[in-house]
Amino acid sequence: QVQLVESGGGLVQAGGSLRLSCVASGRTFSSYAIGWFRQAPGKEREFVAVIDWSGGGTRYAGSVKGRFTISRDNAKNTVYLQMNSLKPEDTAIYYCAAMRGMYSNTPADFGSWGQGTQVTVSS
């Protein structure tokens, strides 16, 4: 199993940018697909983006496509989420999660989760 730690959250004005990082422990990081999810107060956890083990395959939620970019550096055991043109509705706790095999956009498919990092976008 892999342990995950997110960082990079904060307070930003609408239209601004943030880059989240997800650092993993473990030698087998490169065999995991990594996803980003978010949860706003009173709402269910929702899929944001996912990247396969090689970095060659990605998928995005419609609400962030064209604004967010997921990438990974397996040499650094790190996955990034570059968030541009942020909107107040992007405000949430952002979690990264790991799964073996083909990537998914379903939270139940991910076996390891980080503790989350808060992103707040002011209008």
PDB file of N, CA and C in Angstrom:
ATOM      1  N   GLN A   1       0.843  -1.183   0.000  1.00  0.00           N
ATOM      2  CA  GLN A   1       0.000   0.000   0.000  1.00  0.00           C
ATOM      3  C   GLN A   1       0.882   1.237   0.000  1.00  0.00           C
ATOM      4  N   VAL A   2       0.345   2.334  -0.499  1.00  0.00           N
ATOM      5  CA  VAL A   2       1.101   3.564  -0.602  1.00  0.00           C
ATOM      6  C   VAL A   2       0.470   4.620   0.302  1.00  0.00           C
ATOM      7  N   GLN A   3       1.309   5.443   0.911  1.00  0.00           N
ATOM      8  CA  GLN A   3       0.832   6.550   1.747  1.00  0.00           C
ATOM      9  C   GLN A   3       0.967   7.847   0.952  1.00  0.00           C
ATOM     10  N   LEU A   4      -0.033   8.698   1.078  1.00  0.00           N
ATOM     11  CA  LEU A   4      -0.114   9.917   0.269  1.00  0.00           C
ATOM     12  C   LEU A   4      -0.235  11.153   1.152  1.00  0.00           C
ATOM     13  N   VAL A   5       0.459  12.228   0.764  1.00  0.00           N
ATOM     14  CA  VAL A   5       0.386  13.497   1.487  1.00  0.00           C
ATOM     15  C   VAL A   5       0.191  14.621   0.468  1.00  0.00           C
ATOM     16  N   GLU A   6      -0.901  15.374   0.627  1.00  0.00           N
ATOM     17  CA  GLU A   6      -1.181  16.501  -0.263  1.00  0.00           C
ATOM     18  C   GLU A   6      -0.635  17.798   0.323  1.00  0.00           C
ATOM     19  N   SER A   7      -0.334  18.733  -0.547  1.00  0.00           N
ATOM     20  CA  SER A   7       0.068  20.078  -0.130  1.00  0.00           C
ATOM     21  C   SER A   7      -0.237  21.048  -1.265  1.00  0.00           C
ATOM     22  N   GLY A   8      -0.142  22.345  -0.959  1.00  0.00           N
ATOM     23  CA  GLY A   8      -0.306  23.363  -1.995  1.00  0.00           C
ATOM     24  C   GLY A   8      -1.619  24.100  -1.967  1.00  0.00           C
ATOM     25  N   GLY A   9      -2.532  23.693  -1.083  1.00  0.00           N
ATOM     26  CA  GLY A   9      -3.798  24.393  -0.994  1.00  0.00           C
ATOM     27  C   GLY A   9      -3.628  25.780  -0.397  1.00  0.00           C
ATOM     28  N   GLY A  10      -4.705  26.558  -0.433  1.00  0.00           N
ATOM     29  CA  GLY A  10      -4.653  27.896   0.138  1.00  0.00           C
ATOM     30  C   GLY A  10      -5.833  28.727  -0.298  1.00  0.00           C
ATOM     31  N   LEU A  11      -5.722  30.028  -0.049  1.00  0.00           N
ATOM     32  CA  LEU A  11      -6.759  30.995  -0.400  1.00  0.00           C
ATOM     33  C   LEU A  11      -6.300  31.773  -1.632  1.00  0.00           C
ATOM     34  N   VAL A  12      -7.157  31.850  -2.636  1.00  0.00           N
ATOM     35  CA  VAL A  12      -6.813  32.546  -3.870  1.00  0.00           C
ATOM     36  C   VAL A  12      -8.057  33.252  -4.393  1.00  0.00           C
ATOM     37  N   GLN A  13      -7.857  34.343  -5.095  1.00  0.00           N
ATOM     38  CA  GLN A  13      -8.976  35.049  -5.698  1.00  0.00           C
ATOM     39  C   GLN A  13      -9.434  34.353  -6.974  1.00  0.00           C
ATOM     40  N   ALA A  14     -10.680  34.568  -7.308  1.00  0.00           N
ATOM     41  CA  ALA A  14     -11.211  34.009  -8.555  1.00  0.00           C
ATOM     42  C   ALA A  14     -10.346  34.455  -9.730  1.00  0.00           C
ATOM     43  N   GLY A  15     -10.075  33.502 -10.623  1.00  0.00           N
ATOM     44  CA  GLY A  15      -9.204  33.756 -11.757  1.00  0.00           C
ATOM     45  C   GLY A  15      -7.755  33.412 -11.504  1.00  0.00           C
ATOM     46  N   GLY A  16      -7.424  33.158 -10.258  1.00  0.00           N
ATOM     47  CA  GLY A  16      -6.048  32.830  -9.898  1.00  0.00           C
ATOM     48  C   GLY A  16      -5.710  31.370 -10.124  1.00  0.00           C
ATOM     49  N   SER A  17      -4.500  31.001  -9.696  1.00  0.00           N
ATOM     50  CA  SER A  17      -3.988  29.648  -9.914  1.00  0.00           C
ATOM     51  C   SER A  17      -3.394  29.081  -8.634  1.00  0.00           C
ATOM     52  N   LEU A  18      -3.419  27.786  -8.538  1.00  0.00           N
ATOM     53  CA  LEU A  18      -2.739  27.032  -7.484  1.00  0.00           C
ATOM     54  C   LEU A  18      -2.213  25.743  -8.090  1.00  0.00           C
ATOM     55  N   ARG A  19      -1.130  25.225  -7.505  1.00  0.00           N
ATOM     56  CA  ARG A  19      -0.650  23.908  -7.897  1.00  0.00           C
ATOM     57  C   ARG A  19      -0.613  23.017  -6.665  1.00  0.00           C
ATOM     58  N   LEU A  20      -1.383  21.956  -6.703  1.00  0.00           N
ATOM     59  CA  LEU A  20      -1.388  20.973  -5.630  1.00  0.00           C
ATOM     60  C   LEU A  20      -0.369  19.876  -5.926  1.00  0.00           C
ATOM     61  N   SER A  21       0.214  19.359  -4.856  1.00  0.00           N
ATOM     62  CA  SER A  21       1.157  18.243  -4.970  1.00  0.00           C
ATOM     63  C   SER A  21       0.663  17.082  -4.125  1.00  0.00           C
ATOM     64  N   CYS A  22       0.923  15.902  -4.600  1.00  0.00           N
ATOM     65  CA  CYS A  22       0.598  14.666  -3.876  1.00  0.00           C
ATOM     66  C   CYS A  22       1.865  13.825  -3.879  1.00  0.00           C
ATOM     67  N   VAL A  23       2.483  13.708  -2.702  1.00  0.00           N
ATOM     68  CA  VAL A  23       3.725  12.950  -2.577  1.00  0.00           C
ATOM     69  C   VAL A  23       3.420  11.598  -1.954  1.00  0.00           C
ATOM     70  N   ALA A  24       3.960  10.556  -2.562  1.00  0.00           N
ATOM     71  CA  ALA A  24       3.696   9.195  -2.111  1.00  0.00           C
ATOM     72  C   ALA A  24       4.943   8.545  -1.549  1.00  0.00           C
ATOM     73  N   SER A  25       4.739   7.687  -0.579  1.00  0.00           N
ATOM     74  CA  SER A  25       5.825   6.870  -0.067  1.00  0.00           C
ATOM     75  C   SER A  25       5.682   5.475  -0.643  1.00  0.00           C
ATOM     76  N   GLY A  26       6.787   4.771  -0.765  1.00  0.00           N
ATOM     77  CA  GLY A  26       6.722   3.425  -1.294  1.00  0.00           C
ATOM     78  C   GLY A  26       7.436   3.300  -2.622  1.00  0.00           C
ATOM     79  N   ARG A  27       8.036   2.137  -2.829  1.00  0.00           N
ATOM     80  CA  ARG A  27       8.837   1.922  -4.025  1.00  0.00           C
ATOM     81  C   ARG A  27       8.002   1.632  -5.260  1.00  0.00           C
ATOM     82  N   THR A  28       6.726   1.313  -5.068  1.00  0.00           N
ATOM     83  CA  THR A  28       5.906   0.892  -6.199  1.00  0.00           C
ATOM     84  C   THR A  28       4.986   1.998  -6.692  1.00  0.00           C
ATOM     85  N   PHE A  29       5.336   3.253  -6.380  1.00  0.00           N
ATOM     86  CA  PHE A  29       4.474   4.377  -6.760  1.00  0.00           C
ATOM     87  C   PHE A  29       4.160   4.355  -8.242  1.00  0.00           C
ATOM     88  N   SER A  30       5.127   4.026  -9.062  1.00  0.00           N
ATOM     89  CA  SER A  30       4.939   4.097 -10.516  1.00  0.00           C
ATOM     90  C   SER A  30       3.949   3.064 -11.028  1.00  0.00           C
ATOM     91  N   SER A  31       3.511   2.137 -10.199  1.00  0.00           N
ATOM     92  CA  SER A  31       2.533   1.152 -10.642  1.00  0.00           C
ATOM     93  C   SER A  31       1.101   1.561 -10.331  1.00  0.00           C
ATOM     94  N   TYR A  32       0.923   2.727  -9.707  1.00  0.00           N
ATOM     95  CA  TYR A  32      -0.399   3.186  -9.297  1.00  0.00           C
ATOM     96  C   TYR A  32      -0.930   4.288 -10.212  1.00  0.00           C
ATOM     97  N   ALA A  33      -2.213   4.203 -10.503  1.00  0.00           N
ATOM     98  CA  ALA A  33      -2.917   5.369 -11.044  1.00  0.00           C
ATOM     99  C   ALA A  33      -3.249   6.284  -9.862  1.00  0.00           C
ATOM    100  N   ILE A  34      -3.177   7.584 -10.081  1.00  0.00           N
ATOM    101  CA  ILE A  34      -3.439   8.555  -9.029  1.00  0.00           C
ATOM    102  C   ILE A  34      -4.582   9.472  -9.451  1.00  0.00           C
ATOM    103  N   GLY A  35      -5.523   9.646  -8.566  1.00  0.00           N
ATOM    104  CA  GLY A  35      -6.657  10.523  -8.845  1.00  0.00           C
ATOM    105  C   GLY A  35      -6.727  11.674  -7.857  1.00  0.00           C
ATOM    106  N   TRP A  36      -7.338  12.753  -8.312  1.00  0.00           N
ATOM    107  CA  TRP A  36      -7.681  13.869  -7.436  1.00  0.00           C
ATOM    108  C   TRP A  36      -9.206  13.935  -7.327  1.00  0.00           C
ATOM    109  N   PHE A  37      -9.676  14.089  -6.101  1.00  0.00           N
ATOM    110  CA  PHE A  37     -11.091  14.243  -5.812  1.00  0.00           C
ATOM    111  C   PHE A  37     -11.251  15.479  -4.935  1.00  0.00           C
ATOM    112  N   ARG A  38     -12.468  15.971  -4.814  1.00  0.00           N
ATOM    113  CA  ARG A  38     -12.715  17.110  -3.942  1.00  0.00           C
ATOM    114  C   ARG A  38     -14.067  16.951  -3.267  1.00  0.00           C
ATOM    115  N   GLN A  39     -14.165  17.590  -2.102  1.00  0.00           N
ATOM    116  CA  GLN A  39     -15.413  17.546  -1.350  1.00  0.00           C
ATOM    117  C   GLN A  39     -15.681  18.911  -0.745  1.00  0.00           C
ATOM    118  N   ALA A  40     -16.780  19.491  -1.141  1.00  0.00           N
ATOM    119  CA  ALA A  40     -17.215  20.774  -0.598  1.00  0.00           C
ATOM    120  C   ALA A  40     -18.167  20.521   0.573  1.00  0.00           C
ATOM    121  N   PRO A  41     -18.311  21.488   1.476  1.00  0.00           N
ATOM    122  CA  PRO A  41     -19.207  21.305   2.631  1.00  0.00           C
ATOM    123  C   PRO A  41     -20.617  20.938   2.189  1.00  0.00           C
ATOM    124  N   GLY A  42     -21.144  19.873   2.787  1.00  0.00           N
ATOM    125  CA  GLY A  42     -22.509  19.457   2.496  1.00  0.00           C
ATOM    126  C   GLY A  42     -22.685  18.711   1.191  1.00  0.00           C
ATOM    127  N   LYS A  43     -21.585  18.439   0.508  1.00  0.00           N
ATOM    128  CA  LYS A  43     -21.665  17.732  -0.775  1.00  0.00           C
ATOM    129  C   LYS A  43     -20.863  16.440  -0.732  1.00  0.00           C
ATOM    130  N   GLU A  44     -21.163  15.563  -1.665  1.00  0.00           N
ATOM    131  CA  GLU A  44     -20.426  14.310  -1.757  1.00  0.00           C
ATOM    132  C   GLU A  44     -19.066  14.530  -2.424  1.00  0.00           C
ATOM    133  N   ARG A  45     -18.157  13.612  -2.153  1.00  0.00           N
ATOM    134  CA  ARG A  45     -16.853  13.665  -2.788  1.00  0.00           C
ATOM    135  C   ARG A  45     -17.018  13.454  -4.289  1.00  0.00           C
ATOM    136  N   GLU A  46     -16.348  14.282  -5.076  1.00  0.00           N
ATOM    137  CA  GLU A  46     -16.501  14.182  -6.513  1.00  0.00           C
ATOM    138  C   GLU A  46     -15.153  14.069  -7.205  1.00  0.00           C
ATOM    139  N   PHE A  47     -15.167  13.405  -8.333  1.00  0.00           N
ATOM    140  CA  PHE A  47     -13.982  13.203  -9.145  1.00  0.00           C
ATOM    141  C   PHE A  47     -13.537  14.515  -9.787  1.00  0.00           C
ATOM    142  N   VAL A  48     -12.208  14.720  -9.820  1.00  0.00           N
ATOM    143  CA  VAL A  48     -11.642  15.897 -10.474  1.00  0.00           C
ATOM    144  C   VAL A  48     -10.793  15.486 -11.682  1.00  0.00           C
ATOM    145  N   ALA A  49      -9.796  14.631 -11.438  1.00  0.00           N
ATOM    146  CA  ALA A  49      -8.889  14.221 -12.511  1.00  0.00           C
ATOM    147  C   ALA A  49      -8.176  12.947 -12.088  1.00  0.00           C
ATOM    148  N   VAL A  50      -7.663  12.222 -13.072  1.00  0.00           N
ATOM    149  CA  VAL A  50      -6.917  10.998 -12.786  1.00  0.00           C
ATOM    150  C   VAL A  50      -5.837  10.834 -13.855  1.00  0.00           C
ATOM    151  N   ILE A  51      -4.740  10.181 -13.457  1.00  0.00           N
ATOM    152  CA  ILE A  51      -3.632   9.935 -14.374  1.00  0.00           C
ATOM    153  C   ILE A  51      -3.179   8.492 -14.205  1.00  0.00           C
ATOM    154  N   ASP A  52      -2.853   7.845 -15.312  1.00  0.00           N
ATOM    155  CA  ASP A  52      -2.452   6.441 -15.211  1.00  0.00           C
ATOM    156  C   ASP A  52      -1.012   6.339 -14.735  1.00  0.00           C
ATOM    157  N   TRP A  53      -0.512   5.092 -14.600  1.00  0.00           N
ATOM    158  CA  TRP A  53       0.792   4.864 -13.988  1.00  0.00           C
ATOM    159  C   TRP A  53       1.926   5.512 -14.776  1.00  0.00           C
ATOM    160  N   SER A  54       1.761   5.596 -16.099  1.00  0.00           N
ATOM    161  CA  SER A  54       2.841   6.112 -16.942  1.00  0.00           C
ATOM    162  C   SER A  54       2.772   7.620 -17.137  1.00  0.00           C
ATOM    163  N   GLY A  55       1.619   8.199 -16.857  1.00  0.00           N
ATOM    164  CA  GLY A  55       1.429   9.617 -17.148  1.00  0.00           C
ATOM    165  C   GLY A  55       0.880   9.858 -18.535  1.00  0.00           C
ATOM    166  N   GLY A  56       0.739   8.788 -19.324  1.00  0.00           N
ATOM    167  CA  GLY A  56       0.287   8.937 -20.695  1.00  0.00           C
ATOM    168  C   GLY A  56      -1.217   9.020 -20.848  1.00  0.00           C
ATOM    169  N   GLY A  57      -1.939   8.631 -19.826  1.00  0.00           N
ATOM    170  CA  GLY A  57      -3.387   8.657 -19.885  1.00  0.00           C
ATOM    171  C   GLY A  57      -3.958   9.509 -18.784  1.00  0.00           C
ATOM    172  N   THR A  58      -4.852  10.415 -19.150  1.00  0.00           N
ATOM    173  CA  THR A  58      -5.484  11.284 -18.169  1.00  0.00           C
ATOM    174  C   THR A  58      -6.978  11.399 -18.460  1.00  0.00           C
ATOM    175  N   ARG A  59      -7.716  11.781 -17.449  1.00  0.00           N
ATOM    176  CA  ARG A  59      -9.149  11.997 -17.592  1.00  0.00           C
ATOM    177  C   ARG A  59      -9.547  13.119 -16.643  1.00  0.00           C
ATOM    178  N   TYR A  60     -10.498  13.937 -17.059  1.00  0.00           N
ATOM    179  CA  TYR A  60     -10.924  15.076 -16.247  1.00  0.00           C
ATOM    180  C   TYR A  60     -12.445  15.134 -16.125  1.00  0.00           C
ATOM    181  N   ALA A  61     -12.883  15.700 -15.005  1.00  0.00           N
ATOM    182  CA  ALA A  61     -14.296  16.038 -14.869  1.00  0.00           C
ATOM    183  C   ALA A  61     -14.607  17.188 -15.821  1.00  0.00           C
ATOM    184  N   GLY A  62     -15.831  17.196 -16.335  1.00  0.00           N
ATOM    185  CA  GLY A  62     -16.214  18.242 -17.270  1.00  0.00           C
ATOM    186  C   GLY A  62     -16.088  19.637 -16.696  1.00  0.00           C
ATOM    187  N   SER A  63     -16.298  19.763 -15.389  1.00  0.00           N
ATOM    188  CA  SER A  63     -16.287  21.074 -14.752  1.00  0.00           C
ATOM    189  C   SER A  63     -14.883  21.687 -14.664  1.00  0.00           C
ATOM    190  N   VAL A  64     -13.837  20.870 -14.844  1.00  0.00           N
ATOM    191  CA  VAL A  64     -12.470  21.398 -14.731  1.00  0.00           C
ATOM    192  C   VAL A  64     -11.675  21.261 -16.022  1.00  0.00           C
ATOM    193  N   LYS A  65     -12.226  20.586 -16.996  1.00  0.00           N
ATOM    194  CA  LYS A  65     -11.502  20.359 -18.248  1.00  0.00           C
ATOM    195  C   LYS A  65     -11.147  21.692 -18.896  1.00  0.00           C
ATOM    196  N   GLY A  66      -9.888  21.808 -19.302  1.00  0.00           N
ATOM    197  CA  GLY A  66      -9.413  23.042 -19.899  1.00  0.00           C
ATOM    198  C   GLY A  66      -8.858  24.039 -18.899  1.00  0.00           C
ATOM    199  N   ARG A  67      -9.116  23.814 -17.622  1.00  0.00           N
ATOM    200  CA  ARG A  67      -8.608  24.711 -16.565  1.00  0.00           C
ATOM    201  C   ARG A  67      -7.586  24.008 -15.677  1.00  0.00           C
ATOM    202  N   PHE A  68      -7.764  22.707 -15.446  1.00  0.00           N
ATOM    203  CA  PHE A  68      -6.885  21.941 -14.572  1.00  0.00           C
ATOM    204  C   PHE A  68      -6.043  20.986 -15.420  1.00  0.00           C
ATOM    205  N   THR A  69      -4.821  20.733 -14.951  1.00  0.00           N
ATOM    206  CA  THR A  69      -3.940  19.782 -15.617  1.00  0.00           C
ATOM    207  C   THR A  69      -3.305  18.878 -14.575  1.00  0.00           C
ATOM    208  N   ILE A  70      -3.434  17.575 -14.775  1.00  0.00           N
ATOM    209  CA  ILE A  70      -2.806  16.600 -13.885  1.00  0.00           C
ATOM    210  C   ILE A  70      -1.545  16.084 -14.566  1.00  0.00           C
ATOM    211  N   SER A  71      -0.494  15.895 -13.767  1.00  0.00           N
ATOM    212  CA  SER A  71       0.762  15.370 -14.290  1.00  0.00           C
ATOM    213  C   SER A  71       1.460  14.603 -13.174  1.00  0.00           C
ATOM    214  N   ARG A  72       2.494  13.855 -13.538  1.00  0.00           N
ATOM    215  CA  ARG A  72       3.213  13.096 -12.512  1.00  0.00           C
ATOM    216  C   ARG A  72       4.687  13.036 -12.855  1.00  0.00           C
ATOM    217  N   ASP A  73       5.485  12.900 -11.801  1.00  0.00           N
ATOM    218  CA  ASP A  73       6.926  12.704 -11.904  1.00  0.00           C
ATOM    219  C   ASP A  73       7.251  11.477 -11.068  1.00  0.00           C
ATOM    220  N   ASN A  74       7.378  10.331 -11.720  1.00  0.00           N
ATOM    221  CA  ASN A  74       7.593   9.089 -10.977  1.00  0.00           C
ATOM    222  C   ASN A  74       8.953   9.065 -10.277  1.00  0.00           C
ATOM    223  N   ALA A  75       9.910   9.805 -10.773  1.00  0.00           N
ATOM    224  CA  ALA A  75      11.218   9.865 -10.120  1.00  0.00           C
ATOM    225  C   ALA A  75      11.126  10.567  -8.766  1.00  0.00           C
ATOM    226  N   LYS A  76      10.119  11.436  -8.614  1.00  0.00           N
ATOM    227  CA  LYS A  76       9.920  12.166  -7.360  1.00  0.00           C
ATOM    228  C   LYS A  76       8.728  11.644  -6.573  1.00  0.00           C
ATOM    229  N   ASN A  77       8.120  10.551  -7.049  1.00  0.00           N
ATOM    230  CA  ASN A  77       6.937   9.992  -6.374  1.00  0.00           C
ATOM    231  C   ASN A  77       5.867  11.058  -6.155  1.00  0.00           C
ATOM    232  N   THR A  78       5.659  11.903  -7.145  1.00  0.00           N
ATOM    233  CA  THR A  78       4.768  13.047  -6.972  1.00  0.00           C
ATOM    234  C   THR A  78       3.804  13.184  -8.156  1.00  0.00           C
ATOM    235  N   VAL A  79       2.575  13.512  -7.826  1.00  0.00           N
ATOM    236  CA  VAL A  79       1.562  13.880  -8.813  1.00  0.00           C
ATOM    237  C   VAL A  79       1.133  15.315  -8.533  1.00  0.00           C
ATOM    238  N   TYR A  80       0.943  16.074  -9.594  1.00  0.00           N
ATOM    239  CA  TYR A  80       0.580  17.476  -9.483  1.00  0.00           C
ATOM    240  C   TYR A  80      -0.805  17.719 -10.065  1.00  0.00           C
ATOM    241  N   LEU A  81      -1.464  18.741  -9.526  1.00  0.00           N
ATOM    242  CA  LEU A  81      -2.707  19.230 -10.116  1.00  0.00           C
ATOM    243  C   LEU A  81      -2.555  20.741 -10.267  1.00  0.00           C
ATOM    244  N   GLN A  82      -2.321  21.179 -11.500  1.00  0.00           N
ATOM    245  CA  GLN A  82      -2.240  22.600 -11.786  1.00  0.00           C
ATOM    246  C   GLN A  82      -3.646  23.116 -12.031  1.00  0.00           C
ATOM    247  N   MET A  83      -4.046  24.096 -11.233  1.00  0.00           N
ATOM    248  CA  MET A  83      -5.404  24.629 -11.312  1.00  0.00           C
ATOM    249  C   MET A  83      -5.341  26.093 -11.728  1.00  0.00           C
ATOM    250  N   ASN A  84      -5.870  26.398 -12.895  1.00  0.00           N
ATOM    251  CA  ASN A  84      -5.897  27.756 -13.408  1.00  0.00           C
ATOM    252  C   ASN A  84      -7.336  28.251 -13.523  1.00  0.00           C
ATOM    253  N   SER A  85      -7.489  29.550 -13.670  1.00  0.00           N
ATOM    254  CA  SER A  85      -8.819  30.164 -13.831  1.00  0.00           C
ATOM    255  C   SER A  85      -9.782  29.662 -12.762  1.00  0.00           C
ATOM    256  N   LEU A  86      -9.324  29.690 -11.528  1.00  0.00           N
ATOM    257  CA  LEU A  86     -10.127  29.151 -10.428  1.00  0.00           C
ATOM    258  C   LEU A  86     -11.410  29.944 -10.224  1.00  0.00           C
ATOM    259  N   LYS A  87     -12.450  29.224  -9.820  1.00  0.00           N
ATOM    260  CA  LYS A  87     -13.768  29.802  -9.595  1.00  0.00           C
ATOM    261  C   LYS A  87     -14.180  29.542  -8.147  1.00  0.00           C
ATOM    262  N   PRO A  88     -15.075  30.355  -7.591  1.00  0.00           N
ATOM    263  CA  PRO A  88     -15.540  30.096  -6.216  1.00  0.00           C
ATOM    264  C   PRO A  88     -16.099  28.687  -6.044  1.00  0.00           C
ATOM    265  N   GLU A  89     -16.713  28.139  -7.071  1.00  0.00           N
ATOM    266  CA  GLU A  89     -17.268  26.785  -6.963  1.00  0.00           C
ATOM    267  C   GLU A  89     -16.199  25.692  -6.922  1.00  0.00           C
ATOM    268  N   ASP A  90     -14.938  26.059  -7.108  1.00  0.00           N
ATOM    269  CA  ASP A  90     -13.844  25.103  -6.945  1.00  0.00           C
ATOM    270  C   ASP A  90     -13.436  24.947  -5.474  1.00  0.00           C
ATOM    271  N   THR A  91     -14.012  25.760  -4.609  1.00  0.00           N
ATOM    272  CA  THR A  91     -13.700  25.691  -3.185  1.00  0.00           C
ATOM    273  C   THR A  91     -14.082  24.333  -2.610  1.00  0.00           C
ATOM    274  N   ALA A  92     -13.117  23.660  -1.993  1.00  0.00           N
ATOM    275  CA  ALA A  92     -13.333  22.316  -1.450  1.00  0.00           C
ATOM    276  C   ALA A  92     -12.054  21.842  -0.789  1.00  0.00           C
ATOM    277  N   ILE A  93     -12.165  20.715  -0.107  1.00  0.00           N
ATOM    278  CA  ILE A  93     -10.973  19.976   0.311  1.00  0.00           C
ATOM    279  C   ILE A  93     -10.611  19.044  -0.845  1.00  0.00           C
ATOM    280  N   TYR A  94      -9.357  19.085  -1.247  1.00  0.00           N
ATOM    281  CA  TYR A  94      -8.883  18.269  -2.360  1.00  0.00           C
ATOM    282  C   TYR A  94      -8.071  17.096  -1.811  1.00  0.00           C
ATOM    283  N   TYR A  95      -8.407  15.912  -2.295  1.00  0.00           N
ATOM    284  CA  TYR A  95      -7.750  14.688  -1.871  1.00  0.00           C
ATOM    285  C   TYR A  95      -7.090  14.009  -3.069  1.00  0.00           C
ATOM    286  N   CYS A  96      -5.917  13.421  -2.845  1.00  0.00           N
ATOM    287  CA  CYS A  96      -5.382  12.527  -3.860  1.00  0.00           C
ATOM    288  C   CYS A  96      -5.562  11.090  -3.367  1.00  0.00           C
ATOM    289  N   ALA A  97      -5.630  10.177  -4.314  1.00  0.00           N
ATOM    290  CA  ALA A  97      -5.898   8.781  -4.004  1.00  0.00           C
ATOM    291  C   ALA A  97      -5.188   7.895  -5.010  1.00  0.00           C
ATOM    292  N   ALA A  98      -4.872   6.672  -4.596  1.00  0.00           N
ATOM    293  CA  ALA A  98      -4.110   5.754  -5.433  1.00  0.00           C
ATOM    294  C   ALA A  98      -4.883   4.467  -5.658  1.00  0.00           C
ATOM    295  N   MET A  99      -4.727   3.921  -6.877  1.00  0.00           N
ATOM    296  CA  MET A  99      -5.320   2.622  -7.180  1.00  0.00           C
ATOM    297  C   MET A  99      -4.395   1.869  -8.126  1.00  0.00           C
ATOM    298  N   ARG A 100      -4.418   0.556  -8.011  1.00  0.00           N
ATOM    299  CA  ARG A 100      -3.667  -0.280  -8.951  1.00  0.00           C
ATOM    300  C   ARG A 100      -4.524  -0.525 -10.190  1.00  0.00           C
ATOM    301  N   GLY A 101      -3.848  -0.772 -11.266  1.00  0.00           N
ATOM    302  CA  GLY A 101      -4.563  -1.124 -12.477  1.00  0.00           C
ATOM    303  C   GLY A 101      -5.006   0.096 -13.267  1.00  0.00           C
ATOM    304  N   MET A 102      -5.960  -0.109 -14.127  1.00  0.00           N
ATOM    305  CA  MET A 102      -6.462   0.951 -14.994  1.00  0.00           C
ATOM    306  C   MET A 102      -7.127   2.032 -14.163  1.00  0.00           C
ATOM    307  N   TYR A 103      -7.022   3.266 -14.595  1.00  0.00           N
ATOM    308  CA  TYR A 103      -7.579   4.347 -13.797  1.00  0.00           C
ATOM    309  C   TYR A 103      -9.098   4.369 -13.857  1.00  0.00           C
ATOM    310  N   SER A 104      -9.659   5.062 -12.887  1.00  0.00           N
ATOM    311  CA  SER A 104     -11.098   5.117 -12.687  1.00  0.00           C
ATOM    312  C   SER A 104     -11.463   6.506 -12.212  1.00  0.00           C
ATOM    313  N   ASN A 105     -12.749   6.845 -12.280  1.00  0.00           N
ATOM    314  CA  ASN A 105     -13.222   8.094 -11.698  1.00  0.00           C
ATOM    315  C   ASN A 105     -14.157   7.830 -10.524  1.00  0.00           C
ATOM    316  N   THR A 106     -14.128   6.614 -10.009  1.00  0.00           N
ATOM    317  CA  THR A 106     -15.012   6.210  -8.910  1.00  0.00           C
ATOM    318  C   THR A 106     -14.230   6.132  -7.617  1.00  0.00           C
ATOM    319  N   PRO A 107     -14.594   6.899  -6.599  1.00  0.00           N
ATOM    320  CA  PRO A 107     -13.827   6.883  -5.341  1.00  0.00           C
ATOM    321  C   PRO A 107     -13.653   5.491  -4.740  1.00  0.00           C
ATOM    322  N   ALA A 108     -14.644   4.635  -4.859  1.00  0.00           N
ATOM    323  CA  ALA A 108     -14.571   3.306  -4.239  1.00  0.00           C
ATOM    324  C   ALA A 108     -13.476   2.436  -4.850  1.00  0.00           C
ATOM    325  N   ASP A 109     -12.987   2.787  -6.030  1.00  0.00           N
ATOM    326  CA  ASP A 109     -11.934   2.002  -6.680  1.00  0.00           C
ATOM    327  C   ASP A 109     -10.542   2.327  -6.133  1.00  0.00           C
ATOM    328  N   PHE A 110     -10.427   3.385  -5.353  1.00  0.00           N
ATOM    329  CA  PHE A 110      -9.134   3.832  -4.844  1.00  0.00           C
ATOM    330  C   PHE A 110      -8.942   3.343  -3.421  1.00  0.00           C
ATOM    331  N   GLY A 111      -7.813   2.679  -3.156  1.00  0.00           N
ATOM    332  CA  GLY A 111      -7.595   2.063  -1.857  1.00  0.00           C
ATOM    333  C   GLY A 111      -6.814   2.903  -0.869  1.00  0.00           C
ATOM    334  N   SER A 112      -6.074   3.899  -1.351  1.00  0.00           N
ATOM    335  CA  SER A 112      -5.262   4.729  -0.460  1.00  0.00           C
ATOM    336  C   SER A 112      -5.618   6.192  -0.693  1.00  0.00           C
ATOM    337  N   TRP A 113      -5.745   6.923   0.421  1.00  0.00           N
ATOM    338  CA  TRP A 113      -6.147   8.319   0.360  1.00  0.00           C
ATOM    339  C   TRP A 113      -5.236   9.174   1.229  1.00  0.00           C
ATOM    340  N   GLY A 114      -5.017  10.413   0.788  1.00  0.00           N
ATOM    341  CA  GLY A 114      -4.328  11.377   1.621  1.00  0.00           C
ATOM    342  C   GLY A 114      -5.300  12.055   2.569  1.00  0.00           C
ATOM    343  N   GLN A 115      -4.767  12.994   3.373  1.00  0.00           N
ATOM    344  CA  GLN A 115      -5.587  13.654   4.391  1.00  0.00           C
ATOM    345  C   GLN A 115      -6.328  14.863   3.843  1.00  0.00           C
ATOM    346  N   GLY A 116      -5.946  15.315   2.644  1.00  0.00           N
ATOM    347  CA  GLY A 116      -6.634  16.431   2.017  1.00  0.00           C
ATOM    348  C   GLY A 116      -5.947  17.762   2.244  1.00  0.00           C
ATOM    349  N   THR A 117      -6.199  18.690   1.322  1.00  0.00           N
ATOM    350  CA  THR A 117      -5.691  20.055   1.443  1.00  0.00           C
ATOM    351  C   THR A 117      -6.812  21.014   1.019  1.00  0.00           C
ATOM    352  N   GLN A 118      -6.983  22.063   1.813  1.00  0.00           N
ATOM    353  CA  GLN A 118      -8.095  22.992   1.594  1.00  0.00           C
ATOM    354  C   GLN A 118      -7.759  23.990   0.485  1.00  0.00           C
ATOM    355  N   VAL A 119      -8.684  24.143  -0.439  1.00  0.00           N
ATOM    356  CA  VAL A 119      -8.597  25.175  -1.473  1.00  0.00           C
ATOM    357  C   VAL A 119      -9.809  26.085  -1.327  1.00  0.00           C
ATOM    358  N   THR A 120      -9.561  27.373  -1.166  1.00  0.00           N
ATOM    359  CA  THR A 120     -10.638  28.344  -1.031  1.00  0.00           C
ATOM    360  C   THR A 120     -10.465  29.426  -2.088  1.00  0.00           C
ATOM    361  N   VAL A 121     -11.502  29.630  -2.898  1.00  0.00           N
ATOM    362  CA  VAL A 121     -11.464  30.623  -3.962  1.00  0.00           C
ATOM    363  C   VAL A 121     -12.470  31.719  -3.632  1.00  0.00           C
ATOM    364  N   SER A 122     -11.981  32.921  -3.449  1.00  0.00           N
ATOM    365  CA  SER A 122     -12.858  34.043  -3.107  1.00  0.00           C
ATOM    366  C   SER A 122     -13.321  34.767  -4.370  1.00  0.00           C
ATOM    367  N   SER A 123     -14.522  35.306  -4.294  1.00  0.00           N
ATOM    368  CA  SER A 123     -15.091  36.010  -5.468  1.00  0.00           C
ATOM    369  C   SER A 123     -14.727  37.483  -5.461  1.00  0.00           C
TER     370      SER A 123
END
